[in-house]
Amino acid sequence: MGSLTEIKRKTVDVAEKRIRELEEAGELHLPNDYSASNALRSAWLTLQETKDKNSKPVLEACNRTSIINALLETVILGLSPAREQVYYVAYGRHLVAQPSYFGRMALAKRVDNVLDIRAEVIYEGEEVTIEVVNGNKVVSSHKSKFGNIDDNKVTGAYAVVEFADSRKDRYTIMNMEDIKSAWSMGRGETDTHKKFTARMARKTVISRACNEIINSANDNYLMDRAMSSRADYETEQEVKEEAENGIATEPETIEVEAETVEANEPEPETEDDFVDRIDQEIDDDEKPF
């Protein structure tokens, strides 16, 4: 394993160079209030403290190409590790940048003029009226009582997306069967789900609402690279650490689909090709470090 200075030069510096190339080519447009340099510095600090499931530092366990890709995905999505909007996980030798619960909310607000996203839990004995308005389900009434609050009596949850423009609020409604189905995409219903059922249900329905917004955005092709296809599931580790005023470090798996290249067009430079090209400009070609 090389020195941290060497590793940074061959990952963070390479990612920063690639980002400048994309911006200069007009292929990447970052939010006005977003600093790619600050995000990369924060990511570098985070990666130095991140380990894989075998407690081995990811900077040592993961191959360099995947580390660079994870850094690029962080910036492409406009997320900040300092704000706990993204975390990193190693799958074998492959490092993945995974938007967190907060990251998905930030993305939803960015891509569709969303003002706020809220969620409410429905408990046994509460009166909830759901109407269908222009093909959309709307919670028109929810009568709750303080005495109904009990994690053992959660029957469902719903999220409300409030837009900054004239559009009406959008509702995402899930009963417990839907919620548990989302959980089953991960580890199923664990002790944490049972202990923090209301919190887990609230997070799950907000994640579903965010995904619906992100996946329908005009630039959702950017999101596909880093958003999990199973992002409904929020790991119990995230909830455990939030309960202790922390944040999760364990994401769902992500699936990356290859882009289709039209016939008679030159094949675009892949990330592996880019890394090989940069290798010619820097000294040590050692892979991994």
C-alpha atoms as a PDB file:
ATOM      1  CA  MET A   1       0.000   0.000   0.000  1.00  0.00           C
ATOM      2  CA  GLY A   2       1.388   3.414  -0.959  1.00  0.00           C
ATOM      3  CA  SER A   3       1.501   6.492   1.186  1.00  0.00           C
ATOM      4  CA  LEU A   4      -1.671   8.514   1.706  1.00  0.00           C
ATOM      5  CA  THR A   5      -0.162  11.303  -0.378  1.00  0.00           C
ATOM      6  CA  GLU A   6       0.435   8.891  -3.252  1.00  0.00           C
ATOM      7  CA  ILE A   7      -3.036   7.362  -2.944  1.00  0.00           C
ATOM      8  CA  LYS A   8      -4.646  10.796  -2.945  1.00  0.00           C
ATOM      9  CA  ARG A   9      -2.679  11.777  -6.052  1.00  0.00           C
ATOM     10  CA  LYS A  10      -3.872   8.645  -7.839  1.00  0.00           C
ATOM     11  CA  THR A  11      -7.541   8.872  -6.788  1.00  0.00           C
ATOM     12  CA  VAL A  12      -8.772  12.276  -5.618  1.00  0.00           C
ATOM     13  CA  ASP A  13      -6.516  14.241  -7.951  1.00  0.00           C
ATOM     14  CA  VAL A  14      -7.456  12.005 -10.883  1.00  0.00           C
ATOM     15  CA  ALA A  15     -11.182  12.376 -10.089  1.00  0.00           C
ATOM     16  CA  GLU A  16     -10.810  16.156  -9.859  1.00  0.00           C
ATOM     17  CA  LYS A  17      -9.073  16.219 -13.247  1.00  0.00           C
ATOM     18  CA  ARG A  18     -11.870  14.152 -14.768  1.00  0.00           C
ATOM     19  CA  ILE A  19     -14.513  16.479 -13.327  1.00  0.00           C
ATOM     20  CA  ARG A  20     -12.769  19.506 -14.858  1.00  0.00           C
ATOM     21  CA  GLU A  21     -12.744  17.733 -18.219  1.00  0.00           C
ATOM     22  CA  LEU A  22     -16.472  16.993 -17.998  1.00  0.00           C
ATOM     23  CA  GLU A  23     -17.266  20.587 -17.026  1.00  0.00           C
ATOM     24  CA  GLU A  24     -15.121  22.028 -19.811  1.00  0.00           C
ATOM     25  CA  ALA A  25     -16.836  19.700 -22.306  1.00  0.00           C
ATOM     26  CA  GLY A  26     -20.256  20.856 -21.081  1.00  0.00           C
ATOM     27  CA  GLU A  27     -21.160  17.332 -19.955  1.00  0.00           C
ATOM     28  CA  LEU A  28     -21.431  18.132 -16.257  1.00  0.00           C
ATOM     29  CA  HIS A  29     -23.366  20.986 -14.654  1.00  0.00           C
ATOM     30  CA  LEU A  30     -23.089  21.258 -10.881  1.00  0.00           C
ATOM     31  CA  PRO A  31     -25.441  23.218  -8.590  1.00  0.00           C
ATOM     32  CA  ASN A  32     -24.421  26.835  -8.042  1.00  0.00           C
ATOM     33  CA  ASP A  33     -24.014  26.295  -4.319  1.00  0.00           C
ATOM     34  CA  TYR A  34     -21.969  23.099  -4.711  1.00  0.00           C
ATOM     35  CA  SER A  35     -18.190  22.896  -4.491  1.00  0.00           C
ATOM     36  CA  ALA A  36     -16.713  19.787  -6.094  1.00  0.00           C
ATOM     37  CA  SER A  37     -13.339  20.473  -4.460  1.00  0.00           C
ATOM     38  CA  ASN A  38     -14.882  20.672  -0.992  1.00  0.00           C
ATOM     39  CA  ALA A  39     -16.874  17.486  -1.604  1.00  0.00           C
ATOM     40  CA  LEU A  40     -13.749  15.616  -2.725  1.00  0.00           C
ATOM     41  CA  ARG A  41     -11.763  16.816   0.278  1.00  0.00           C
ATOM     42  CA  SER A  42     -14.552  15.676   2.572  1.00  0.00           C
ATOM     43  CA  ALA A  43     -14.771  12.343   0.735  1.00  0.00           C
ATOM     44  CA  TRP A  44     -11.029  11.839   1.119  1.00  0.00           C
ATOM     45  CA  LEU A  45     -11.260  12.343   4.877  1.00  0.00           C
ATOM     46  CA  THR A  46     -14.216   9.963   5.040  1.00  0.00           C
ATOM     47  CA  LEU A  47     -12.473   7.274   3.013  1.00  0.00           C
ATOM     48  CA  GLN A  48      -9.473   7.307   5.331  1.00  0.00           C
ATOM     49  CA  GLU A  49     -11.791   6.215   8.154  1.00  0.00           C
ATOM     50  CA  THR A  50     -13.918   3.757   6.144  1.00  0.00           C
ATOM     51  CA  LYS A  51     -13.331   0.000   6.390  1.00  0.00           C
ATOM     52  CA  ASP A  52     -14.776  -3.025   4.668  1.00  0.00           C
ATOM     53  CA  LYS A  53     -16.636  -5.874   6.381  1.00  0.00           C
ATOM     54  CA  ASN A  54     -13.301  -7.408   7.360  1.00  0.00           C
ATOM     55  CA  SER A  55     -12.196  -4.202   9.085  1.00  0.00           C
ATOM     56  CA  LYS A  56      -9.646  -3.530   6.359  1.00  0.00           C
ATOM     57  CA  PRO A  57      -9.301   0.100   5.154  1.00  0.00           C
ATOM     58  CA  VAL A  58     -11.162   0.507   1.861  1.00  0.00           C
ATOM     59  CA  LEU A  59      -8.252   2.509   0.473  1.00  0.00           C
ATOM     60  CA  GLU A  60      -6.249  -0.689   0.779  1.00  0.00           C
ATOM     61  CA  ALA A  61      -8.979  -3.244   0.029  1.00  0.00           C
ATOM     62  CA  CYS A  62     -10.574  -1.645  -3.045  1.00  0.00           C
ATOM     63  CA  ASN A  63      -9.127  -1.201  -6.514  1.00  0.00           C
ATOM     64  CA  ARG A  64      -8.242   2.275  -7.635  1.00  0.00           C
ATOM     65  CA  THR A  65     -10.712   2.474 -10.532  1.00  0.00           C
ATOM     66  CA  SER A  66     -13.696   1.864  -8.243  1.00  0.00           C
ATOM     67  CA  ILE A  67     -12.442   4.470  -5.755  1.00  0.00           C
ATOM     68  CA  ILE A  68     -12.185   7.046  -8.540  1.00  0.00           C
ATOM     69  CA  ASN A  69     -15.666   6.092  -9.787  1.00  0.00           C
ATOM     70  CA  ALA A  70     -17.095   6.462  -6.274  1.00  0.00           C
ATOM     71  CA  LEU A  71     -15.598   9.950  -6.026  1.00  0.00           C
ATOM     72  CA  LEU A  72     -16.947  10.877  -9.447  1.00  0.00           C
ATOM     73  CA  GLU A  73     -20.431   9.629  -8.578  1.00  0.00           C
ATOM     74  CA  THR A  74     -20.389  11.712  -5.401  1.00  0.00           C
ATOM     75  CA  VAL A  75     -19.770  14.863  -7.406  1.00  0.00           C
ATOM     76  CA  ILE A  76     -22.022  13.958 -10.354  1.00  0.00           C
ATOM     77  CA  LEU A  77     -24.911  13.637  -7.903  1.00  0.00           C
ATOM     78  CA  GLY A  78     -23.905  16.859  -6.151  1.00  0.00           C
ATOM     79  CA  LEU A  79     -23.711  15.200  -2.738  1.00  0.00           C
ATOM     80  CA  SER A  80     -21.602  16.135   0.258  1.00  0.00           C
ATOM     81  CA  PRO A  81     -20.036  13.560   2.597  1.00  0.00           C
ATOM     82  CA  ALA A  82     -19.645  16.358   5.162  1.00  0.00           C
ATOM     83  CA  ARG A  83     -23.434  16.671   5.282  1.00  0.00           C
ATOM     84  CA  GLU A  84     -23.862  12.905   5.609  1.00  0.00           C
ATOM     85  CA  GLN A  85     -25.537  12.754   2.195  1.00  0.00           C
ATOM     86  CA  VAL A  86     -23.406   9.878   0.922  1.00  0.00           C
ATOM     87  CA  TYR A  87     -21.475   7.005   2.400  1.00  0.00           C
ATOM     88  CA  TYR A  88     -19.034   4.503   0.972  1.00  0.00           C
ATOM     89  CA  VAL A  89     -19.047   0.724   1.144  1.00  0.00           C
ATOM     90  CA  ALA A  90     -16.788  -1.985  -0.224  1.00  0.00           C
ATOM     91  CA  TYR A  91     -18.228  -4.978  -2.065  1.00  0.00           C
ATOM     92  CA  GLY A  92     -15.150  -7.134  -2.316  1.00  0.00           C
ATOM     93  CA  ARG A  93     -12.596  -4.961  -4.121  1.00  0.00           C
ATOM     94  CA  HIS A  94     -15.250  -2.612  -5.507  1.00  0.00           C
ATOM     95  CA  LEU A  95     -16.071   0.647  -3.715  1.00  0.00           C
ATOM     96  CA  VAL A  96     -19.550   2.149  -4.068  1.00  0.00           C
ATOM     97  CA  ALA A  97     -20.807   5.658  -3.302  1.00  0.00           C
ATOM     98  CA  GLN A  98     -24.329   5.282  -1.912  1.00  0.00           C
ATOM     99  CA  PRO A  99     -26.686   8.237  -1.369  1.00  0.00           C
ATOM    100  CA  SER A 100     -27.976   8.184   2.187  1.00  0.00           C
ATOM    101  CA  TYR A 101     -31.477   8.946   3.378  1.00  0.00           C
ATOM    102  CA  PHE A 102     -30.466  12.628   3.590  1.00  0.00           C
ATOM    103  CA  GLY A 103     -28.823  12.432   0.186  1.00  0.00           C
ATOM    104  CA  ARG A 104     -31.993  11.153  -1.477  1.00  0.00           C
ATOM    105  CA  MET A 105     -33.963  13.991   0.082  1.00  0.00           C
ATOM    106  CA  ALA A 106     -31.399  16.514  -1.179  1.00  0.00           C
ATOM    107  CA  LEU A 107     -31.571  15.014  -4.674  1.00  0.00           C
ATOM    108  CA  ALA A 108     -35.368  15.097  -4.729  1.00  0.00           C
ATOM    109  CA  LYS A 109     -35.391  18.751  -3.698  1.00  0.00           C
ATOM    110  CA  ARG A 110     -32.806  19.601  -6.326  1.00  0.00           C
ATOM    111  CA  VAL A 111     -34.327  17.876  -9.349  1.00  0.00           C
ATOM    112  CA  ASP A 112     -37.994  18.812  -9.018  1.00  0.00           C
ATOM    113  CA  ASN A 113     -38.421  22.102  -7.139  1.00  0.00           C
ATOM    114  CA  VAL A 114     -39.428  20.318  -3.943  1.00  0.00           C
ATOM    115  CA  LEU A 115     -39.889  22.530  -0.897  1.00  0.00           C
ATOM    116  CA  ASP A 116     -40.308  19.903   1.800  1.00  0.00           C
ATOM    117  CA  ILE A 117     -40.889  16.189   2.359  1.00  0.00           C
ATOM    118  CA  ARG A 118     -42.682  15.019   5.495  1.00  0.00           C
ATOM    119  CA  ALA A 119     -43.963  11.697   6.727  1.00  0.00           C
ATOM    120  CA  GLU A 120     -46.595  10.529   9.186  1.00  0.00           C
ATOM    121  CA  VAL A 121     -47.066   7.123  10.747  1.00  0.00           C
ATOM    122  CA  ILE A 122     -50.499   5.521  11.018  1.00  0.00           C
ATOM    123  CA  TYR A 123     -51.240   3.558  14.194  1.00  0.00           C
ATOM    124  CA  GLU A 124     -54.056   1.157  15.053  1.00  0.00           C
ATOM    125  CA  GLY A 125     -57.245   2.940  16.021  1.00  0.00           C
ATOM    126  CA  GLU A 126     -56.550   6.105  14.024  1.00  0.00           C
ATOM    127  CA  GLU A 127     -59.007   7.388  11.437  1.00  0.00           C
ATOM    128  CA  VAL A 128     -57.425   8.009   8.038  1.00  0.00           C
ATOM    129  CA  THR A 129     -59.439   9.058   4.986  1.00  0.00           C
ATOM    130  CA  ILE A 130     -57.854   8.515   1.580  1.00  0.00           C
ATOM    131  CA  GLU A 131     -59.406  10.040  -1.528  1.00  0.00           C
ATOM    132  CA  VAL A 132     -58.491   9.643  -5.189  1.00  0.00           C
ATOM    133  CA  VAL A 133     -58.147  13.031  -6.885  1.00  0.00           C
ATOM    134  CA  ASN A 134     -57.344  13.075 -10.608  1.00  0.00           C
ATOM    135  CA  GLY A 135     -55.924   9.575 -10.331  1.00  0.00           C
ATOM    136  CA  ASN A 136     -53.758  10.401  -7.327  1.00  0.00           C
ATOM    137  CA  LYS A 137     -54.316   9.136  -3.795  1.00  0.00           C
ATOM    138  CA  VAL A 138     -54.572  11.914  -1.218  1.00  0.00           C
ATOM    139  CA  VAL A 139     -54.806  11.701   2.571  1.00  0.00           C
ATOM    140  CA  SER A 140     -57.644  14.125   3.160  1.00  0.00           C
ATOM    141  CA  SER A 141     -58.014  13.458   6.881  1.00  0.00           C
ATOM    142  CA  HIS A 142     -55.914  11.870   9.628  1.00  0.00           C
ATOM    143  CA  LYS A 143     -57.263  11.878  13.151  1.00  0.00           C
ATOM    144  CA  SER A 144     -54.612  10.829  15.619  1.00  0.00           C
ATOM    145  CA  LYS A 145     -54.475  10.405  19.385  1.00  0.00           C
ATOM    146  CA  PHE A 146     -51.390  10.564  21.576  1.00  0.00           C
ATOM    147  CA  GLY A 147     -52.363   7.297  23.237  1.00  0.00           C
ATOM    148  CA  ASN A 148     -52.180   5.467  19.899  1.00  0.00           C
ATOM    149  CA  ILE A 149     -48.415   5.961  19.553  1.00  0.00           C
ATOM    150  CA  ASP A 150     -46.952   2.490  19.919  1.00  0.00           C
ATOM    151  CA  ASP A 151     -44.242   0.893  17.779  1.00  0.00           C
ATOM    152  CA  ASN A 152     -46.066  -2.414  18.101  1.00  0.00           C
ATOM    153  CA  LYS A 153     -49.215  -0.981  16.506  1.00  0.00           C
ATOM    154  CA  VAL A 154     -47.947   0.667  13.311  1.00  0.00           C
ATOM    155  CA  THR A 155     -50.300  -0.088  10.415  1.00  0.00           C
ATOM    156  CA  GLY A 156     -48.734   2.094   7.742  1.00  0.00           C
ATOM    157  CA  ALA A 157     -47.216   5.445   6.847  1.00  0.00           C
ATOM    158  CA  TYR A 158     -47.458   8.164   4.221  1.00  0.00           C
ATOM    159  CA  ALA A 159     -45.147  10.879   2.913  1.00  0.00           C
ATOM    160  CA  VAL A 160     -46.198  14.311   1.720  1.00  0.00           C
ATOM    161  CA  VAL A 161     -44.135  16.112  -0.909  1.00  0.00           C
ATOM    162  CA  GLU A 162     -44.675  19.860  -0.886  1.00  0.00           C
ATOM    163  CA  PHE A 163     -43.608  21.724  -4.033  1.00  0.00           C
ATOM    164  CA  ALA A 164     -42.288  25.264  -4.190  1.00  0.00           C
ATOM    165  CA  ASP A 165     -44.455  26.016  -7.243  1.00  0.00           C
ATOM    166  CA  SER A 166     -48.221  25.846  -7.733  1.00  0.00           C
ATOM    167  CA  ARG A 167     -48.434  22.059  -7.867  1.00  0.00           C
ATOM    168  CA  LYS A 168     -50.518  20.326  -5.249  1.00  0.00           C
ATOM    169  CA  ASP A 169     -48.917  18.142  -2.602  1.00  0.00           C
ATOM    170  CA  ARG A 170     -47.997  14.628  -3.705  1.00  0.00           C
ATOM    171  CA  TYR A 171     -48.693  11.685  -1.398  1.00  0.00           C
ATOM    172  CA  THR A 172     -46.938   8.341  -1.166  1.00  0.00           C
ATOM    173  CA  ILE A 173     -48.930   5.863   0.929  1.00  0.00           C
ATOM    174  CA  MET A 174     -47.716   2.476   2.169  1.00  0.00           C
ATOM    175  CA  ASN A 175     -49.399  -0.054   4.438  1.00  0.00           C
ATOM    176  CA  MET A 176     -47.302  -2.335   6.643  1.00  0.00           C
ATOM    177  CA  GLU A 177     -47.332  -5.062   4.024  1.00  0.00           C
ATOM    178  CA  ASP A 178     -45.748  -2.661   1.525  1.00  0.00           C
ATOM    179  CA  ILE A 179     -43.242  -1.466   4.109  1.00  0.00           C
ATOM    180  CA  LYS A 180     -42.222  -4.974   5.160  1.00  0.00           C
ATOM    181  CA  SER A 181     -41.888  -5.914   1.499  1.00  0.00           C
ATOM    182  CA  ALA A 182     -39.394  -3.060   1.132  1.00  0.00           C
ATOM    183  CA  TRP A 183     -37.539  -4.292   4.200  1.00  0.00           C
ATOM    184  CA  SER A 184     -37.407  -7.804   2.770  1.00  0.00           C
ATOM    185  CA  MET A 185     -35.213  -6.480  -0.037  1.00  0.00           C
ATOM    186  CA  GLY A 186     -32.536  -6.118   2.597  1.00  0.00           C
ATOM    187  CA  ARG A 187     -32.317  -8.316   5.661  1.00  0.00           C
ATOM    188  CA  GLY A 188     -35.994  -8.634   6.374  1.00  0.00           C
ATOM    189  CA  GLU A 189     -37.588  -7.547   9.603  1.00  0.00           C
ATOM    190  CA  THR A 190     -34.816  -7.408  12.191  1.00  0.00           C
ATOM    191  CA  ASP A 191     -34.771  -6.524  15.875  1.00  0.00           C
ATOM    192  CA  THR A 192     -34.079  -2.918  14.901  1.00  0.00           C
ATOM    193  CA  HIS A 193     -37.200  -2.816  12.726  1.00  0.00           C
ATOM    194  CA  LYS A 194     -39.196  -4.081  15.679  1.00  0.00           C
ATOM    195  CA  LYS A 195     -37.621  -1.660  18.136  1.00  0.00           C
ATOM    196  CA  PHE A 196     -37.817   1.391  15.861  1.00  0.00           C
ATOM    197  CA  THR A 197     -40.797   0.422  13.718  1.00  0.00           C
ATOM    198  CA  ALA A 198     -42.267   3.920  13.424  1.00  0.00           C
ATOM    199  CA  ARG A 199     -38.944   5.502  12.531  1.00  0.00           C
ATOM    200  CA  MET A 200     -38.166   2.799   9.995  1.00  0.00           C
ATOM    201  CA  ALA A 201     -41.613   3.116   8.438  1.00  0.00           C
ATOM    202  CA  ARG A 202     -41.243   6.883   8.182  1.00  0.00           C
ATOM    203  CA  LYS A 203     -37.822   6.614   6.551  1.00  0.00           C
ATOM    204  CA  THR A 204     -39.025   3.936   4.139  1.00  0.00           C
ATOM    205  CA  VAL A 205     -41.999   5.915   2.869  1.00  0.00           C
ATOM    206  CA  ILE A 206     -39.896   9.086   2.483  1.00  0.00           C
ATOM    207  CA  SER A 207     -37.296   7.097   0.540  1.00  0.00           C
ATOM    208  CA  ARG A 208     -40.042   5.753  -1.733  1.00  0.00           C
ATOM    209  CA  ALA A 209     -41.354   9.278  -2.319  1.00  0.00           C
ATOM    210  CA  CYS A 210     -37.867  10.577  -3.096  1.00  0.00           C
ATOM    211  CA  ASN A 211     -37.179   7.750  -5.526  1.00  0.00           C
ATOM    212  CA  GLU A 212     -40.395   8.468  -7.418  1.00  0.00           C
ATOM    213  CA  ILE A 213     -39.301  12.085  -7.881  1.00  0.00           C
ATOM    214  CA  ILE A 214     -35.693  11.296  -8.774  1.00  0.00           C
ATOM    215  CA  ASN A 215     -36.556   8.538 -11.224  1.00  0.00           C
ATOM    216  CA  SER A 216     -38.950  10.815 -13.107  1.00  0.00           C
ATOM    217  CA  ALA A 217     -36.481  13.725 -13.367  1.00  0.00           C
ATOM    218  CA  ASN A 218     -35.168  14.753 -16.773  1.00  0.00           C
ATOM    219  CA  ASP A 219     -31.597  14.030 -15.729  1.00  0.00           C
ATOM    220  CA  ASN A 220     -32.330  10.748 -14.009  1.00  0.00           C
ATOM    221  CA  TYR A 221     -29.707   9.031 -16.155  1.00  0.00           C
ATOM    222  CA  LEU A 222     -27.182  10.632 -13.814  1.00  0.00           C
ATOM    223  CA  MET A 223     -28.967   9.192 -10.833  1.00  0.00           C
ATOM    224  CA  ASP A 224     -29.058   5.644 -12.200  1.00  0.00           C
ATOM    225  CA  ARG A 225     -25.321   5.248 -11.771  1.00  0.00           C
ATOM    226  CA  ALA A 226     -25.397   5.797  -8.034  1.00  0.00           C
ATOM    227  CA  MET A 227     -28.958   5.172  -6.884  1.00  0.00           C
ATOM    228  CA  SER A 228     -29.750   1.685  -5.642  1.00  0.00           C
ATOM    229  CA  SER A 229     -32.468  -0.190  -7.455  1.00  0.00           C
ATOM    230  CA  ARG A 230     -33.538  -1.363  -4.016  1.00  0.00           C
ATOM    231  CA  ALA A 231     -33.376   1.989  -2.227  1.00  0.00           C
ATOM    232  CA  ASP A 232     -36.750   1.435  -0.536  1.00  0.00           C
ATOM    233  CA  TYR A 233     -34.876  -0.541   2.092  1.00  0.00           C
ATOM    234  CA  GLU A 234     -33.179   1.436   4.860  1.00  0.00           C
ATOM    235  CA  THR A 235     -30.688  -0.681   6.761  1.00  0.00           C
ATOM    236  CA  GLU A 236     -31.132  -1.212  10.461  1.00  0.00           C
ATOM    237  CA  GLN A 237     -27.599   0.061  11.009  1.00  0.00           C
ATOM    238  CA  GLU A 238     -28.650   3.515   9.813  1.00  0.00           C
ATOM    239  CA  VAL A 239     -31.497   3.645  12.281  1.00  0.00           C
ATOM    240  CA  LYS A 240     -29.334   2.323  15.108  1.00  0.00           C
ATOM    241  CA  GLU A 241     -26.735   5.007  14.564  1.00  0.00           C
ATOM    242  CA  GLU A 242     -29.318   7.739  14.079  1.00  0.00           C
ATOM    243  CA  ALA A 243     -30.750   6.783  17.450  1.00  0.00           C
ATOM    244  CA  GLU A 244     -27.308   7.587  18.811  1.00  0.00           C
ATOM    245  CA  ASN A 245     -27.120  10.847  16.809  1.00  0.00           C
ATOM    246  CA  GLY A 246     -25.011   9.198  14.129  1.00  0.00           C
ATOM    247  CA  ILE A 247     -25.449   8.143  10.543  1.00  0.00           C
ATOM    248  CA  ALA A 248     -25.254   4.882   8.663  1.00  0.00           C
ATOM    249  CA  THR A 249     -22.292   3.482   6.810  1.00  0.00           C
ATOM    250  CA  GLU A 250     -23.977   0.429   5.288  1.00  0.00           C
ATOM    251  CA  PRO A 251     -25.956   0.844   2.024  1.00  0.00           C
ATOM    252  CA  GLU A 252     -27.910  -1.386  -0.259  1.00  0.00           C
ATOM    253  CA  THR A 253     -26.263  -2.866  -3.318  1.00  0.00           C
ATOM    254  CA  ILE A 254     -26.343  -0.862  -6.520  1.00  0.00           C
ATOM    255  CA  GLU A 255     -26.757  -2.033 -10.061  1.00  0.00           C
ATOM    256  CA  VAL A 256     -25.104  -0.108 -12.867  1.00  0.00           C
ATOM    257  CA  GLU A 257     -26.441  -0.589 -16.353  1.00  0.00           C
ATOM    258  CA  ALA A 258     -24.109  -0.249 -19.303  1.00  0.00           C
ATOM    259  CA  GLU A 259     -24.875   2.593 -21.681  1.00  0.00           C
ATOM    260  CA  THR A 260     -25.892   1.691 -25.233  1.00  0.00           C
ATOM    261  CA  VAL A 261     -23.579   3.015 -27.942  1.00  0.00           C
ATOM    262  CA  GLU A 262     -25.181   3.662 -31.313  1.00  0.00           C
ATOM    263  CA  ALA A 263     -23.647   2.075 -34.390  1.00  0.00           C
ATOM    264  CA  ASN A 264     -21.142   4.067 -36.432  1.00  0.00           C
ATOM    265  CA  GLU A 265     -20.357   6.305 -33.473  1.00  0.00           C
ATOM    266  CA  PRO A 266     -16.967   6.274 -31.757  1.00  0.00           C
ATOM    267  CA  GLU A 267     -17.088   4.416 -28.471  1.00  0.00           C
ATOM    268  CA  PRO A 268     -16.935   6.880 -25.562  1.00  0.00           C
ATOM    269  CA  GLU A 269     -14.048   6.780 -23.160  1.00  0.00           C
ATOM    270  CA  THR A 270     -14.834   4.532 -20.230  1.00  0.00           C
ATOM    271  CA  GLU A 271     -13.699   5.195 -16.691  1.00  0.00           C
ATOM    272  CA  ASP A 272     -11.185   2.347 -17.042  1.00  0.00           C
ATOM    273  CA  ASP A 273      -9.835   3.931 -20.240  1.00  0.00           C
ATOM    274  CA  PHE A 274      -9.590   7.260 -18.460  1.00  0.00           C
ATOM    275  CA  VAL A 275      -7.633   5.741 -15.585  1.00  0.00           C
ATOM    276  CA  ASP A 276      -5.282   4.067 -18.065  1.00  0.00           C
ATOM    277  CA  ARG A 277      -4.756   7.392 -19.818  1.00  0.00           C
ATOM    278  CA  ILE A 278      -4.002   9.165 -16.567  1.00  0.00           C
ATOM    279  CA  ASP A 279      -1.594   6.386 -15.641  1.00  0.00           C
ATOM    280  CA  GLN A 280       0.616   7.601 -18.448  1.00  0.00           C
ATOM    281  CA  GLU A 281       0.808  11.019 -16.820  1.00  0.00           C
ATOM    282  CA  ILE A 282       1.690   9.868 -13.318  1.00  0.00           C
ATOM    283  CA  ASP A 283       4.575   7.776 -12.107  1.00  0.00           C
ATOM    284  CA  ASP A 284       3.602   4.631 -10.239  1.00  0.00           C
ATOM    285  CA  ASP A 285       1.352   2.199 -12.137  1.00  0.00           C
ATOM    286  CA  GLU A 286       0.870  -0.120  -9.188  1.00  0.00           C
ATOM    287  CA  LYS A 287      -2.657  -1.579  -8.916  1.00  0.00           C
ATOM    288  CA  PRO A 288      -3.991  -1.838  -6.292  1.00  0.00           C
ATOM    289  CA  PHE A 289      -1.873   0.422  -4.108  1.00  0.00           C
END
